[in-house]
Every structure is written in C-alpha cells, then in structure tokens.
PDB file of N, CA and C in Angstrom:
ATOM      1  N   MET A   1     -23.183  28.402 -12.643  1.00  0.00           N
ATOM      2  CA  MET A   1     -21.768  28.138 -12.581  1.00  0.00           C
ATOM      3  C   MET A   1     -21.437  26.757 -13.141  1.00  0.00           C
ATOM      4  N   VAL A   2     -22.264  25.796 -12.816  1.00  0.00           N
ATOM      5  CA  VAL A   2     -22.049  24.440 -13.323  1.00  0.00           C
ATOM      6  C   VAL A   2     -22.080  24.445 -14.845  1.00  0.00           C
ATOM      7  N   LEU A   3     -23.035  25.158 -15.431  1.00  0.00           N
ATOM      8  CA  LEU A   3     -23.170  25.163 -16.884  1.00  0.00           C
ATOM      9  C   LEU A   3     -22.024  25.897 -17.561  1.00  0.00           C
ATOM     10  N   ASP A   4     -21.573  27.003 -16.993  1.00  0.00           N
ATOM     11  CA  ASP A   4     -20.443  27.716 -17.581  1.00  0.00           C
ATOM     12  C   ASP A   4     -19.187  26.853 -17.566  1.00  0.00           C
ATOM     13  N   GLN A   5     -18.960  26.166 -16.450  1.00  0.00           N
ATOM     14  CA  GLN A   5     -17.762  25.330 -16.349  1.00  0.00           C
ATOM     15  C   GLN A   5     -17.830  24.151 -17.311  1.00  0.00           C
ATOM     16  N   VAL A   6     -18.991  23.521 -17.404  1.00  0.00           N
ATOM     17  CA  VAL A   6     -19.088  22.379 -18.318  1.00  0.00           C
ATOM     18  C   VAL A   6     -18.962  22.829 -19.766  1.00  0.00           C
ATOM     19  N   ALA A   7     -19.462  23.999 -20.106  1.00  0.00           N
ATOM     20  CA  ALA A   7     -19.308  24.515 -21.473  1.00  0.00           C
ATOM     21  C   ALA A   7     -17.819  24.672 -21.806  1.00  0.00           C
ATOM     22  N   LYS A   8     -17.039  25.178 -20.850  1.00  0.00           N
ATOM     23  CA  LYS A   8     -15.590  25.316 -21.055  1.00  0.00           C
ATOM     24  C   LYS A   8     -14.932  23.948 -21.182  1.00  0.00           C
ATOM     25  N   ASP A   9     -15.326  23.027 -20.309  1.00  0.00           N
ATOM     26  CA  ASP A   9     -14.758  21.677 -20.347  1.00  0.00           C
ATOM     27  C   ASP A   9     -15.058  20.994 -21.680  1.00  0.00           C
ATOM     28  N   ILE A  10     -16.292  21.113 -22.140  1.00  0.00           N
ATOM     29  CA  ILE A  10     -16.683  20.504 -23.414  1.00  0.00           C
ATOM     30  C   ILE A  10     -15.885  21.125 -24.554  1.00  0.00           C
ATOM     31  N   SER A  11     -15.742  22.431 -24.537  1.00  0.00           N
ATOM     32  CA  SER A  11     -14.977  23.118 -25.573  1.00  0.00           C
ATOM     33  C   SER A  11     -13.544  22.589 -25.632  1.00  0.00           C
ATOM     34  N   GLU A  12     -12.925  22.415 -24.467  1.00  0.00           N
ATOM     35  CA  GLU A  12     -11.552  21.895 -24.420  1.00  0.00           C
ATOM     36  C   GLU A  12     -11.484  20.460 -24.937  1.00  0.00           C
ATOM     37  N   GLU A  13     -12.429  19.634 -24.515  1.00  0.00           N
ATOM     38  CA  GLU A  13     -12.447  18.241 -24.968  1.00  0.00           C
ATOM     39  C   GLU A  13     -12.635  18.165 -26.477  1.00  0.00           C
ATOM     40  N   LEU A  14     -13.545  18.960 -27.015  1.00  0.00           N
ATOM     41  CA  LEU A  14     -13.792  18.949 -28.452  1.00  0.00           C
ATOM     42  C   LEU A  14     -12.572  19.434 -29.239  1.00  0.00           C
ATOM     43  N   SER A  15     -11.865  20.416 -28.703  1.00  0.00           N
ATOM     44  CA  SER A  15     -10.678  20.923 -29.400  1.00  0.00           C
ATOM     45  C   SER A  15      -9.582  19.868 -29.475  1.00  0.00           C
ATOM     46  N   GLN A  16      -9.634  18.882 -28.575  1.00  0.00           N
ATOM     47  CA  GLN A  16      -8.666  17.787 -28.573  1.00  0.00           C
ATOM     48  C   GLN A  16      -9.208  16.547 -29.281  1.00  0.00           C
ATOM     49  N   GLY A  17     -10.410  16.677 -29.867  1.00  0.00           N
ATOM     50  CA  GLY A  17     -11.006  15.559 -30.578  1.00  0.00           C
ATOM     51  C   GLY A  17     -11.628  14.506 -29.676  1.00  0.00           C
ATOM     52  N   GLU A  18     -11.885  14.848 -28.447  1.00  0.00           N
ATOM     53  CA  GLU A  18     -12.414  13.907 -27.455  1.00  0.00           C
ATOM     54  C   GLU A  18     -13.928  14.065 -27.305  1.00  0.00           C
ATOM     55  N   ARG A  19     -14.680  13.667 -28.319  1.00  0.00           N
ATOM     56  CA  ARG A  19     -16.142  13.812 -28.296  1.00  0.00           C
ATOM     57  C   ARG A  19     -16.776  12.973 -27.195  1.00  0.00           C
ATOM     58  N   GLU A  20     -16.251  11.780 -26.953  1.00  0.00           N
ATOM     59  CA  GLU A  20     -16.824  10.917 -25.919  1.00  0.00           C
ATOM     60  C   GLU A  20     -16.664  11.545 -24.529  1.00  0.00           C
ATOM     61  N   PHE A  21     -15.492  12.115 -24.253  1.00  0.00           N
ATOM     62  CA  PHE A  21     -15.286  12.769 -22.966  1.00  0.00           C
ATOM     63  C   PHE A  21     -16.145  14.024 -22.849  1.00  0.00           C
ATOM     64  N   ALA A  22     -16.352  14.710 -23.965  1.00  0.00           N
ATOM     65  CA  ALA A  22     -17.221  15.889 -23.956  1.00  0.00           C
ATOM     66  C   ALA A  22     -18.641  15.479 -23.588  1.00  0.00           C
ATOM     67  N   LEU A  23     -19.101  14.385 -24.160  1.00  0.00           N
ATOM     68  CA  LEU A  23     -20.444  13.889 -23.854  1.00  0.00           C
ATOM     69  C   LEU A  23     -20.551  13.470 -22.391  1.00  0.00           C
ATOM     70  N   ARG A  24     -19.539  12.811 -21.888  1.00  0.00           N
ATOM     71  CA  ARG A  24     -19.533  12.421 -20.463  1.00  0.00           C
ATOM     72  C   ARG A  24     -19.570  13.645 -19.558  1.00  0.00           C
ATOM     73  N   SER A  25     -18.828  14.675 -19.929  1.00  0.00           N
ATOM     74  CA  SER A  25     -18.830  15.914 -19.140  1.00  0.00           C
ATOM     75  C   SER A  25     -20.225  16.520 -19.090  1.00  0.00           C
ATOM     76  N   ALA A  26     -20.906  16.526 -20.225  1.00  0.00           N
ATOM     77  CA  ALA A  26     -22.266  17.072 -20.287  1.00  0.00           C
ATOM     78  C   ALA A  26     -23.205  16.265 -19.391  1.00  0.00           C
ATOM     79  N   MET A  27     -23.138  14.964 -19.483  1.00  0.00           N
ATOM     80  CA  MET A  27     -24.032  14.112 -18.685  1.00  0.00           C
ATOM     81  C   MET A  27     -23.756  14.266 -17.188  1.00  0.00           C
ATOM     82  N   ASP A  28     -22.492  14.328 -16.821  1.00  0.00           N
ATOM     83  CA  ASP A  28     -22.140  14.516 -15.405  1.00  0.00           C
ATOM     84  C   ASP A  28     -22.661  15.851 -14.881  1.00  0.00           C
ATOM     85  N   ALA A  29     -22.554  16.897 -15.690  1.00  0.00           N
ATOM     86  CA  ALA A  29     -23.037  18.217 -15.274  1.00  0.00           C
ATOM     87  C   ALA A  29     -24.547  18.213 -15.088  1.00  0.00           C
ATOM     88  N   LEU A  30     -25.254  17.535 -15.966  1.00  0.00           N
ATOM     89  CA  LEU A  30     -26.717  17.480 -15.840  1.00  0.00           C
ATOM     90  C   LEU A  30     -27.124  16.704 -14.599  1.00  0.00           C
ATOM     91  N   LYS A  31     -26.389  15.671 -14.250  1.00  0.00           N
ATOM     92  CA  LYS A  31     -26.665  14.933 -13.014  1.00  0.00           C
ATOM     93  C   LYS A  31     -26.441  15.825 -11.793  1.00  0.00           C
ATOM     94  N   ARG A  32     -25.331  16.577 -11.801  1.00  0.00           N
ATOM     95  CA  ARG A  32     -25.053  17.494 -10.679  1.00  0.00           C
ATOM     96  C   ARG A  32     -26.136  18.555 -10.576  1.00  0.00           C
ATOM     97  N   LEU A  33     -26.544  19.079 -11.721  1.00  0.00           N
ATOM     98  CA  LEU A  33     -27.571  20.114 -11.757  1.00  0.00           C
ATOM     99  C   LEU A  33     -28.882  19.602 -11.163  1.00  0.00           C
ATOM    100  N   LYS A  34     -29.244  18.398 -11.495  1.00  0.00           N
ATOM    101  CA  LYS A  34     -30.485  17.824 -10.982  1.00  0.00           C
ATOM    102  C   LYS A  34     -30.455  17.722  -9.458  1.00  0.00           C
ATOM    103  N   SER A  35     -29.327  17.353  -8.893  1.00  0.00           N
ATOM    104  CA  SER A  35     -29.236  17.225  -7.436  1.00  0.00           C
ATOM    105  C   SER A  35     -29.192  18.580  -6.730  1.00  0.00           C
ATOM    106  N   MET A  36     -28.824  19.641  -7.452  1.00  0.00           N
ATOM    107  CA  MET A  36     -28.713  20.968  -6.849  1.00  0.00           C
ATOM    108  C   MET A  36     -30.051  21.694  -6.762  1.00  0.00           C
ATOM    109  N   SER A  37     -30.964  21.442  -7.670  1.00  0.00           N
ATOM    110  CA  SER A  37     -32.258  22.128  -7.732  1.00  0.00           C
ATOM    111  C   SER A  37     -32.119  23.652  -7.689  1.00  0.00           C
ATOM    112  N   PRO A  38     -31.415  24.248  -8.651  1.00  0.00           N
ATOM    113  CA  PRO A  38     -31.256  25.710  -8.647  1.00  0.00           C
ATOM    114  C   PRO A  38     -32.581  26.416  -8.916  1.00  0.00           C
ATOM    115  N   GLN A  39     -32.672  27.640  -8.467  1.00  0.00           N
ATOM    116  CA  GLN A  39     -33.882  28.434  -8.653  1.00  0.00           C
ATOM    117  C   GLN A  39     -33.889  29.192  -9.973  1.00  0.00           C
ATOM    118  N   ARG A  40     -32.720  29.487 -10.503  1.00  0.00           N
ATOM    119  CA  ARG A  40     -32.622  30.271 -11.736  1.00  0.00           C
ATOM    120  C   ARG A  40     -31.359  29.855 -12.475  1.00  0.00           C
ATOM    121  N   LEU A  41     -31.449  29.791 -13.776  1.00  0.00           N
ATOM    122  CA  LEU A  41     -30.299  29.413 -14.596  1.00  0.00           C
ATOM    123  C   LEU A  41     -30.084  30.445 -15.694  1.00  0.00           C
ATOM    124  N   LYS A  42     -28.824  30.777 -15.930  1.00  0.00           N
ATOM    125  CA  LYS A  42     -28.521  31.662 -17.052  1.00  0.00           C
ATOM    126  C   LYS A  42     -27.923  30.831 -18.173  1.00  0.00           C
ATOM    127  N   LYS A  43     -28.060  31.344 -19.363  1.00  0.00           N
ATOM    128  CA  LYS A  43     -27.545  30.665 -20.544  1.00  0.00           C
ATOM    129  C   LYS A  43     -26.024  30.570 -20.453  1.00  0.00           C
ATOM    130  N   PRO A  44     -25.470  29.365 -20.612  1.00  0.00           N
ATOM    131  CA  PRO A  44     -24.009  29.231 -20.537  1.00  0.00           C
ATOM    132  C   PRO A  44     -23.333  29.736 -21.808  1.00  0.00           C
ATOM    133  N   GLU A  45     -22.038  29.933 -21.729  1.00  0.00           N
ATOM    134  CA  GLU A  45     -21.254  30.271 -22.906  1.00  0.00           C
ATOM    135  C   GLU A  45     -21.351  29.114 -23.898  1.00  0.00           C
ATOM    136  N   SER A  46     -21.078  29.387 -25.141  1.00  0.00           N
ATOM    137  CA  SER A  46     -21.114  28.346 -26.166  1.00  0.00           C
ATOM    138  C   SER A  46     -19.966  27.366 -25.960  1.00  0.00           C
ATOM    139  N   THR A  47     -20.227  26.124 -26.297  1.00  0.00           N
ATOM    140  CA  THR A  47     -19.195  25.089 -26.249  1.00  0.00           C
ATOM    141  C   THR A  47     -18.335  25.126 -27.502  1.00  0.00           C
ATOM    142  N   GLY A  48     -18.776  25.888 -28.499  1.00  0.00           N
ATOM    143  CA  GLY A  48     -18.091  25.919 -29.778  1.00  0.00           C
ATOM    144  C   GLY A  48     -18.700  24.931 -30.764  1.00  0.00           C
ATOM    145  N   SER A  49     -19.685  24.178 -30.295  1.00  0.00           N
ATOM    146  CA  SER A  49     -20.374  23.199 -31.136  1.00  0.00           C
ATOM    147  C   SER A  49     -21.876  23.403 -30.989  1.00  0.00           C
ATOM    148  N   ALA A  50     -22.548  23.655 -32.113  1.00  0.00           N
ATOM    149  CA  ALA A  50     -24.001  23.854 -32.059  1.00  0.00           C
ATOM    150  C   ALA A  50     -24.703  22.611 -31.514  1.00  0.00           C
ATOM    151  N   LYS A  51     -24.177  21.440 -31.847  1.00  0.00           N
ATOM    152  CA  LYS A  51     -24.795  20.202 -31.369  1.00  0.00           C
ATOM    153  C   LYS A  51     -24.651  20.056 -29.856  1.00  0.00           C
ATOM    154  N   PHE A  52     -23.490  20.364 -29.309  1.00  0.00           N
ATOM    155  CA  PHE A  52     -23.317  20.258 -27.869  1.00  0.00           C
ATOM    156  C   PHE A  52     -24.049  21.378 -27.132  1.00  0.00           C
ATOM    157  N   ASP A  53     -24.158  22.559 -27.751  1.00  0.00           N
ATOM    158  CA  ASP A  53     -24.966  23.625 -27.153  1.00  0.00           C
ATOM    159  C   ASP A  53     -26.421  23.164 -27.047  1.00  0.00           C
ATOM    160  N   ALA A  54     -26.915  22.537 -28.115  1.00  0.00           N
ATOM    161  CA  ALA A  54     -28.293  22.041 -28.112  1.00  0.00           C
ATOM    162  C   ALA A  54     -28.467  20.911 -27.094  1.00  0.00           C
ATOM    163  N   LEU A  55     -27.472  20.048 -26.984  1.00  0.00           N
ATOM    164  CA  LEU A  55     -27.529  18.962 -26.004  1.00  0.00           C
ATOM    165  C   LEU A  55     -27.657  19.519 -24.588  1.00  0.00           C
ATOM    166  N   LEU A  56     -26.828  20.498 -24.254  1.00  0.00           N
ATOM    167  CA  LEU A  56     -26.912  21.106 -22.920  1.00  0.00           C
ATOM    168  C   LEU A  56     -28.264  21.773 -22.702  1.00  0.00           C
ATOM    169  N   ALA A  57     -28.725  22.509 -23.697  1.00  0.00           N
ATOM    170  CA  ALA A  57     -30.001  23.213 -23.560  1.00  0.00           C
ATOM    171  C   ALA A  57     -31.153  22.230 -23.361  1.00  0.00           C
ATOM    172  N   ALA A  58     -31.192  21.200 -24.183  1.00  0.00           N
ATOM    173  CA  ALA A  58     -32.264  20.203 -24.059  1.00  0.00           C
ATOM    174  C   ALA A  58     -32.151  19.448 -22.743  1.00  0.00           C
ATOM    175  N   GLY A  59     -30.934  19.128 -22.347  1.00  0.00           N
ATOM    176  CA  GLY A  59     -30.722  18.429 -21.080  1.00  0.00           C
ATOM    177  C   GLY A  59     -31.182  19.249 -19.890  1.00  0.00           C
ATOM    178  N   VAL A  60     -30.868  20.537 -19.908  1.00  0.00           N
ATOM    179  CA  VAL A  60     -31.303  21.425 -18.814  1.00  0.00           C
ATOM    180  C   VAL A  60     -32.815  21.479 -18.756  1.00  0.00           C
ATOM    181  N   ARG A  61     -33.457  21.602 -19.906  1.00  0.00           N
ATOM    182  CA  ARG A  61     -34.926  21.656 -19.914  1.00  0.00           C
ATOM    183  C   ARG A  61     -35.515  20.370 -19.338  1.00  0.00           C
ATOM    184  N   LEU A  62     -34.959  19.227 -19.691  1.00  0.00           N
ATOM    185  CA  LEU A  62     -35.472  17.958 -19.171  1.00  0.00           C
ATOM    186  C   LEU A  62     -35.230  17.820 -17.671  1.00  0.00           C
ATOM    187  N   VAL A  63     -34.027  18.166 -17.231  1.00  0.00           N
ATOM    188  CA  VAL A  63     -33.678  18.046 -15.816  1.00  0.00           C
ATOM    189  C   VAL A  63     -34.528  18.979 -14.960  1.00  0.00           C
ATOM    190  N   MET A  64     -34.784  20.182 -15.468  1.00  0.00           N
ATOM    191  CA  MET A  64     -35.431  21.192 -14.653  1.00  0.00           C
ATOM    192  C   MET A  64     -36.954  21.204 -14.764  1.00  0.00           C
ATOM    193  N   GLU A  65     -37.536  20.450 -15.677  1.00  0.00           N
ATOM    194  CA  GLU A  65     -38.993  20.424 -15.780  1.00  0.00           C
ATOM    195  C   GLU A  65     -39.602  20.055 -14.441  1.00  0.00           C
ATOM    196  N   GLY A  66     -40.485  20.883 -13.992  1.00  0.00           N
ATOM    197  CA  GLY A  66     -41.139  20.637 -12.715  1.00  0.00           C
ATOM    198  C   GLY A  66     -40.383  21.181 -11.514  1.00  0.00           C
ATOM    199  N   ASN A  67     -39.109  21.551 -11.686  1.00  0.00           N
ATOM    200  CA  ASN A  67     -38.318  22.071 -10.573  1.00  0.00           C
ATOM    201  C   ASN A  67     -38.315  23.592 -10.505  1.00  0.00           C
ATOM    202  N   LEU A  68     -38.478  24.227 -11.631  1.00  0.00           N
ATOM    203  CA  LEU A  68     -38.460  25.683 -11.662  1.00  0.00           C
ATOM    204  C   LEU A  68     -39.844  26.207 -12.030  1.00  0.00           C
ATOM    205  N   PRO A  69     -40.188  27.378 -11.499  1.00  0.00           N
ATOM    206  CA  PRO A  69     -41.452  27.964 -11.928  1.00  0.00           C
ATOM    207  C   PRO A  69     -41.425  28.291 -13.424  1.00  0.00           C
ATOM    208  N   HIS A  70     -40.238  28.622 -13.940  1.00  0.00           N
ATOM    209  CA  HIS A  70     -40.089  28.934 -15.358  1.00  0.00           C
ATOM    210  C   HIS A  70     -38.860  28.211 -15.881  1.00  0.00           C
ATOM    211  N   VAL A  71     -39.082  27.214 -16.689  1.00  0.00           N
ATOM    212  CA  VAL A  71     -37.966  26.502 -17.306  1.00  0.00           C
ATOM    213  C   VAL A  71     -37.263  27.471 -18.246  1.00  0.00           C
ATOM    214  N   PRO A  72     -35.926  27.479 -18.286  1.00  0.00           N
ATOM    215  CA  PRO A  72     -35.208  28.459 -19.110  1.00  0.00           C
ATOM    216  C   PRO A  72     -35.645  28.442 -20.572  1.00  0.00           C
ATOM    217  N   ARG A  73     -35.975  29.621 -21.084  1.00  0.00           N
ATOM    218  CA  ARG A  73     -36.428  29.735 -22.466  1.00  0.00           C
ATOM    219  C   ARG A  73     -35.278  29.586 -23.448  1.00  0.00           C
ATOM    220  N   TRP A  74     -34.048  29.903 -23.009  1.00  0.00           N
ATOM    221  CA  TRP A  74     -32.917  29.817 -23.926  1.00  0.00           C
ATOM    222  C   TRP A  74     -32.720  28.398 -24.437  1.00  0.00           C
ATOM    223  N   GLY A  75     -33.159  27.407 -23.725  1.00  0.00           N
ATOM    224  CA  GLY A  75     -33.042  26.033 -24.197  1.00  0.00           C
ATOM    225  C   GLY A  75     -33.862  25.784 -25.436  1.00  0.00           C
ATOM    226  N   SER A  76     -35.076  26.321 -25.470  1.00  0.00           N
ATOM    227  CA  SER A  76     -35.921  26.103 -26.642  1.00  0.00           C
ATOM    228  C   SER A  76     -35.401  26.873 -27.850  1.00  0.00           C
ATOM    229  N   GLU A  77     -34.776  28.023 -27.626  1.00  0.00           N
ATOM    230  CA  GLU A  77     -34.232  28.803 -28.747  1.00  0.00           C
ATOM    231  C   GLU A  77     -33.107  28.047 -29.441  1.00  0.00           C
ATOM    232  N   ILE A  78     -32.241  27.415 -28.666  1.00  0.00           N
ATOM    233  CA  ILE A  78     -31.113  26.690 -29.240  1.00  0.00           C
ATOM    234  C   ILE A  78     -31.590  25.442 -29.968  1.00  0.00           C
ATOM    235  N   THR A  79     -32.436  24.662 -29.333  1.00  0.00           N
ATOM    236  CA  THR A  79     -32.864  23.406 -29.948  1.00  0.00           C
ATOM    237  C   THR A  79     -33.723  23.665 -31.175  1.00  0.00           C
ATOM    238  N   THR A  80     -34.518  24.712 -31.185  1.00  0.00           N
ATOM    239  CA  THR A  80     -35.339  25.051 -32.339  1.00  0.00           C
ATOM    240  C   THR A  80     -34.466  25.429 -33.529  1.00  0.00           C
ATOM    241  N   ALA A  81     -33.358  26.087 -33.279  1.00  0.00           N
ATOM    242  CA  ALA A  81     -32.472  26.506 -34.360  1.00  0.00           C
ATOM    243  C   ALA A  81     -31.833  25.331 -35.089  1.00  0.00           C
ATOM    244  N   LEU A  82     -31.745  24.196 -34.444  1.00  0.00           N
ATOM    245  CA  LEU A  82     -31.099  23.032 -35.050  1.00  0.00           C
ATOM    246  C   LEU A  82     -32.060  22.101 -35.777  1.00  0.00           C
ATOM    247  N   VAL A  83     -33.349  22.319 -35.623  1.00  0.00           N
ATOM    248  CA  VAL A  83     -34.340  21.454 -36.257  1.00  0.00           C
ATOM    249  C   VAL A  83     -34.510  21.878 -37.708  1.00  0.00           C
ATOM    250  N   PRO A  84     -34.292  20.936 -38.665  1.00  0.00           N
ATOM    251  CA  PRO A  84     -34.463  21.297 -40.075  1.00  0.00           C
ATOM    252  C   PRO A  84     -35.907  21.632 -40.394  1.00  0.00           C
ATOM    253  N   ARG A  85     -36.106  22.562 -41.269  1.00  0.00           N
ATOM    254  CA  ARG A  85     -37.465  22.975 -41.656  1.00  0.00           C
ATOM    255  C   ARG A  85     -37.840  22.340 -42.957  1.00  0.00           C
TER     256      ARG A  85
END
C-alpha cells in the first residue's frame, strides 16, 4: 500500500514539474517501509517515469535486504532495464 500510494504521489509531483518533491516522497516512503518490515511486497504501479520507477525498485531492494526471505525480484527487472549495454 505504501508503494502504490507513493507511486501516485510521485506521478502527481512529476506532472507538476516538482522533481524535488517527487524525490522527497520516494525517500519518505522508503523510510516508512523500513520501519514497517513487511513480509511481502507487490510491484507498485508506474510513476510515469522510468527513472523514478527504478529509484523505487532499487530503494526497496536496499531497504528490504535481510528483512525478507525473498527480496522482490521486480526490483532487479526494472533496474536492469535502465542499465545501458
């Protein structure tokens, strides 16, 4: 739920040209997520920006390393797609 809401918030901020607020929203969500220690995470909706989608995915993987038996695989799929070959 946290990730879906932040994806919507980021999308709204980006549509208004507020990249800094979008970044703050992402960081705040990752902090909340870390304190929650969820057992399972689903892939959030797209923010409308491949870069912010990758930021959320990478952030979730970093926050959740060691907390989940299986770190979400969708994070690696998004970040891999953005790496130039």
